[in-house]
Amino acid sequence: MHTRIIGGLRVIAPLVLGLLLGMPATPVQAECTGCLCPGDPCRLCPLPPMKNIPPAADEPDTCLKIRERVPPISASPGTNEHFANQDRATMECVRNGGDIIRNPRRSKEFPSKLYCKPYVEATKGNATTRSGSK
């Protein structure tokens, strides 16, 4: 009888322990935060502009200025043309008040390696400059 209880504990204990330890490790569906979330909350534009990535319907002025000065290319990433246009587009983004965001995890919605986050003006009632002073 005593060996039967010990044998049962040898089977049950790892199962219970596995369940208790495995529960915190289960993936939890958390809300996405930041600019690289579905729906493009920051209205990012890819750097460099690519012909196969169409511009957004309500593209910010910063992105429009980048597209004017750096025409969209069809060169594949890794080519000299791609890197030259990426450098030019990055400079234009910064000149027009945008920030550069690296995309470490590419997805269908965000296929580029770099994005420009345009500076969005505050509302008139709460107008502030970029540095935060009124």
Protein backbone atom coordinates (compact mmCIF):
# COMPACT_ATOMS: atom_id res chain seq x y z
CA MET A 1 0.00 0.00 0.00
CA HIS A 2 2.79 2.38 0.91
CA THR A 3 4.55 1.79 -2.43
CA ARG A 4 1.30 2.38 -4.29
CA ILE A 5 0.93 5.85 -2.74
CA ILE A 6 4.55 6.72 -3.56
CA GLY A 7 4.11 5.46 -7.12
CA GLY A 8 0.96 7.58 -7.50
CA LEU A 9 2.76 10.66 -6.18
CA ARG A 10 5.60 10.09 -8.65
CA VAL A 11 3.06 10.31 -11.47
CA ILE A 12 0.85 13.09 -10.11
CA ALA A 13 3.52 15.42 -8.69
CA PRO A 14 5.20 16.21 -12.04
CA LEU A 15 1.80 16.83 -13.65
CA VAL A 16 0.70 19.24 -10.92
CA LEU A 17 4.09 20.95 -10.91
CA GLY A 18 4.05 21.24 -14.69
CA LEU A 19 0.60 22.81 -14.65
CA LEU A 20 1.52 25.30 -11.93
CA LEU A 21 4.75 26.33 -13.63
CA GLY A 22 3.28 26.34 -17.12
CA MET A 23 0.38 28.67 -16.40
CA PRO A 24 2.47 31.86 -16.07
CA ALA A 25 4.32 30.92 -19.25
CA THR A 26 1.18 30.77 -21.38
CA PRO A 27 1.01 33.63 -23.86
CA VAL A 28 -1.27 36.43 -22.78
CA GLN A 29 -2.88 38.60 -25.42
CA ALA A 30 -1.67 42.05 -24.36
CA GLU A 31 -2.59 45.30 -25.99
CA CYS A 32 -0.01 46.58 -28.43
CA THR A 33 1.77 49.77 -27.40
CA GLY A 34 4.01 51.96 -29.50
CA CYS A 35 4.03 52.97 -33.14
CA LEU A 36 4.43 49.56 -34.80
CA CYS A 37 0.94 48.40 -33.84
CA PRO A 38 -1.87 47.33 -36.16
CA GLY A 39 -3.65 50.30 -37.66
CA ASP A 40 -0.49 52.45 -37.78
CA PRO A 41 -1.32 54.77 -34.84
CA CYS A 42 1.70 57.05 -35.46
CA ARG A 43 1.12 57.39 -39.23
CA LEU A 44 4.58 56.10 -40.11
CA CYS A 45 6.12 56.20 -43.56
CA PRO A 46 8.70 53.66 -44.75
CA LEU A 47 12.31 54.70 -45.40
CA PRO A 48 13.18 54.76 -48.22
CA PRO A 49 9.85 55.13 -50.02
CA MET A 50 9.22 51.97 -52.03
CA LYS A 51 7.13 51.58 -55.17
CA ASN A 52 5.53 48.37 -53.88
CA ILE A 53 4.36 50.09 -50.64
CA PRO A 54 1.61 52.58 -51.57
CA PRO A 55 1.35 55.85 -49.63
CA ALA A 56 -1.41 56.19 -47.06
CA ALA A 57 -4.53 58.10 -48.06
CA ASP A 58 -4.00 60.72 -45.32
CA GLU A 59 -0.20 60.79 -45.48
CA PRO A 60 1.38 63.41 -43.17
CA ASP A 61 3.23 66.41 -44.62
CA THR A 62 6.59 65.01 -43.51
CA CYS A 63 6.03 61.86 -45.53
CA LEU A 64 4.89 63.87 -48.56
CA LYS A 65 8.06 65.98 -48.41
CA ILE A 66 10.20 62.84 -48.21
CA ARG A 67 8.42 61.39 -51.29
CA GLU A 68 8.97 64.67 -53.19
CA ARG A 69 12.71 64.77 -52.49
CA VAL A 70 13.39 61.02 -52.54
CA PRO A 71 11.30 59.34 -55.23
CA PRO A 72 10.05 55.83 -54.49
CA ILE A 73 12.40 53.06 -55.64
CA SER A 74 11.95 49.44 -56.57
CA ALA A 75 15.49 48.35 -55.59
CA SER A 76 15.60 45.40 -53.25
CA PRO A 77 17.00 45.88 -49.73
CA GLY A 78 20.75 45.36 -49.59
CA THR A 79 21.57 47.04 -52.90
CA ASN A 80 23.65 50.21 -53.18
CA GLU A 81 20.67 52.14 -54.60
CA HIS A 82 18.52 51.08 -51.63
CA PHE A 83 21.12 52.22 -49.06
CA ALA A 84 21.72 55.55 -50.85
CA ASN A 85 17.98 56.31 -50.92
CA GLN A 86 17.58 55.14 -47.34
CA ASP A 87 20.26 57.62 -46.23
CA ARG A 88 18.64 60.47 -48.21
CA ALA A 89 15.18 59.62 -46.89
CA THR A 90 16.49 59.46 -43.31
CA MET A 91 18.06 62.91 -43.65
CA GLU A 92 14.82 64.33 -45.09
CA CYS A 93 12.79 62.81 -42.25
CA VAL A 94 15.01 64.45 -39.62
CA ARG A 95 15.09 67.78 -41.53
CA ASN A 96 11.31 67.88 -41.53
CA GLY A 97 10.99 67.21 -37.80
CA GLY A 98 10.43 63.45 -37.90
CA ASP A 99 11.96 60.71 -35.77
CA ILE A 100 13.52 57.50 -37.08
CA ILE A 101 12.06 54.23 -35.79
CA ARG A 102 13.81 50.90 -36.34
CA ASN A 103 11.59 47.94 -37.04
CA PRO A 104 13.26 44.83 -35.57
CA ARG A 105 10.25 42.57 -36.30
CA ARG A 106 8.98 42.96 -39.83
CA SER A 107 5.38 42.08 -40.55
CA LYS A 108 2.93 42.27 -43.42
CA GLU A 109 1.75 45.70 -42.25
CA PHE A 110 5.29 46.98 -41.50
CA PRO A 111 7.70 45.38 -44.02
CA SER A 112 10.44 48.06 -43.95
CA LYS A 113 13.47 48.15 -41.68
CA LEU A 114 13.20 51.89 -40.95
CA TYR A 115 10.23 54.22 -40.58
CA CYS A 116 9.81 57.95 -40.20
CA LYS A 117 7.50 59.05 -37.39
CA PRO A 118 6.28 62.52 -38.38
CA TYR A 119 5.94 65.22 -35.78
CA VAL A 120 2.22 65.82 -35.28
CA GLU A 121 1.19 69.32 -34.21
CA ALA A 122 -0.73 69.65 -30.97
CA THR A 123 -4.29 70.97 -31.07
CA LYS A 124 -4.77 74.74 -31.08
CA GLY A 125 -6.22 74.77 -27.56
CA ASN A 126 -3.11 73.05 -26.20
CA ALA A 127 -0.48 74.36 -28.61
CA THR A 128 3.04 73.49 -27.54
CA THR A 129 6.32 73.46 -29.32
CA ARG A 130 8.31 70.32 -29.81
CA SER A 131 10.46 70.99 -26.73
CA GLY A 132 7.34 71.09 -24.58
CA SER A 133 7.40 74.81 -23.68
CA LYS A 134 4.30 76.96 -24.27
